[in-house]
């Protein structure tokens, strides 16, 4: 397990530093929070309503739409920031 095996393209994968790992985690959380706030603002501007809460009287379709939009945007923002701070190794997986 201690030996680094080359990737199919011949490159040796580099391990991220501890600083990169911590910054990627913190940056990912902050990006997800910021993205959720932004999507909440856009939702309120577009629909004229607050986002649906779990115990609120709202249609199931509206709740599913909110979960899908918020989940996709916040997850994508987290992953983009994580990959920017802690780059993935080159070459195919």
Protein backbone atom coordinates (compact mmCIF):
# COMPACT_ATOMS: atom_id res chain seq x y z
CA UNK A 1 0.00 0.00 0.00
CA UNK A 2 2.94 2.36 0.55
CA UNK A 3 4.06 2.28 -3.07
CA UNK A 4 2.54 4.81 -5.45
CA UNK A 5 1.21 3.07 -8.53
CA UNK A 6 1.23 5.04 -11.77
CA UNK A 7 -2.02 6.05 -13.41
CA UNK A 8 -2.91 4.66 -16.85
CA UNK A 9 -1.37 7.78 -18.45
CA UNK A 10 1.93 7.19 -16.60
CA UNK A 11 1.62 9.99 -14.03
CA UNK A 12 2.15 9.41 -10.31
CA UNK A 13 -0.77 10.73 -8.21
CA UNK A 14 0.16 13.44 -5.72
CA UNK A 15 -1.25 13.40 -2.20
CA UNK A 16 -2.89 16.66 -1.07
CA UNK A 17 -1.28 18.50 1.82
CA UNK A 18 -3.01 18.84 5.17
CA UNK A 19 -3.56 22.52 4.53
CA UNK A 20 -5.23 21.77 1.21
CA UNK A 21 -7.52 19.25 2.86
CA UNK A 22 -8.60 21.66 5.63
CA UNK A 23 -9.05 24.58 3.23
CA UNK A 24 -11.03 22.38 0.82
CA UNK A 25 -13.37 21.29 3.61
CA UNK A 26 -13.93 24.82 4.95
CA UNK A 27 -14.21 26.31 1.46
CA UNK A 28 -16.69 23.63 0.42
CA UNK A 29 -18.95 24.32 3.40
CA UNK A 30 -18.82 28.07 2.80
CA UNK A 31 -19.54 27.63 -0.91
CA UNK A 32 -22.53 25.39 -0.17
CA UNK A 33 -23.94 27.91 2.32
CA UNK A 34 -23.45 30.81 -0.07
CA UNK A 35 -24.99 28.88 -2.96
CA UNK A 36 -28.01 27.94 -0.83
CA UNK A 37 -28.54 31.57 0.15
CA UNK A 38 -28.26 32.66 -3.47
CA UNK A 39 -30.71 30.01 -4.66
CA UNK A 40 -33.11 30.99 -1.85
CA UNK A 41 -32.97 34.61 -3.02
CA UNK A 42 -33.61 33.59 -6.63
CA UNK A 43 -36.47 31.27 -5.56
CA UNK A 44 -38.14 34.09 -3.61
CA UNK A 45 -37.67 36.52 -6.51
CA UNK A 46 -39.00 34.06 -9.08
CA UNK A 47 -41.97 32.62 -7.18
CA UNK A 48 -42.77 35.50 -4.83
CA UNK A 49 -42.98 33.00 -1.93
CA UNK A 50 -40.69 31.69 0.76
CA UNK A 51 -39.08 28.32 0.20
CA UNK A 52 -41.33 25.42 1.27
CA UNK A 53 -40.63 24.00 4.72
CA UNK A 54 -41.08 20.37 5.70
CA UNK A 55 -44.20 20.87 7.84
CA UNK A 56 -45.65 23.68 5.74
CA UNK A 57 -48.80 23.26 3.66
CA UNK A 58 -47.31 23.12 0.17
CA UNK A 59 -47.59 20.77 -2.75
CA UNK A 60 -45.25 17.83 -2.91
CA UNK A 61 -44.06 18.93 -6.35
CA UNK A 62 -42.99 22.32 -4.97
CA UNK A 63 -41.10 20.68 -2.10
CA UNK A 64 -39.38 18.24 -4.47
CA UNK A 65 -38.47 21.05 -6.85
CA UNK A 66 -36.94 23.07 -4.02
CA UNK A 67 -34.93 20.10 -2.73
CA UNK A 68 -33.68 19.30 -6.23
CA UNK A 69 -32.64 22.86 -7.07
CA UNK A 70 -31.03 23.56 -3.69
CA UNK A 71 -29.27 20.19 -3.60
CA UNK A 72 -27.86 20.42 -7.10
CA UNK A 73 -26.64 24.00 -6.71
CA UNK A 74 -25.11 23.59 -3.25
CA UNK A 75 -23.50 20.24 -4.09
CA UNK A 76 -22.04 21.57 -7.32
CA UNK A 77 -20.66 24.68 -5.62
CA UNK A 78 -19.05 22.56 -2.90
CA UNK A 79 -17.43 20.25 -5.43
CA UNK A 80 -16.16 23.08 -7.64
CA UNK A 81 -14.49 24.84 -4.71
CA UNK A 82 -13.06 21.57 -3.40
CA UNK A 83 -11.53 20.72 -6.78
CA UNK A 84 -10.18 24.26 -7.15
CA UNK A 85 -8.42 24.16 -3.75
CA UNK A 86 -7.43 20.50 -3.79
CA UNK A 87 -7.00 19.58 -7.48
CA UNK A 88 -7.74 16.08 -8.60
CA UNK A 89 -4.88 14.04 -9.94
CA UNK A 90 -4.31 14.15 -13.67
CA UNK A 91 -5.22 11.30 -15.91
CA UNK A 92 -8.20 9.00 -16.16
CA UNK A 93 -9.54 7.33 -13.05
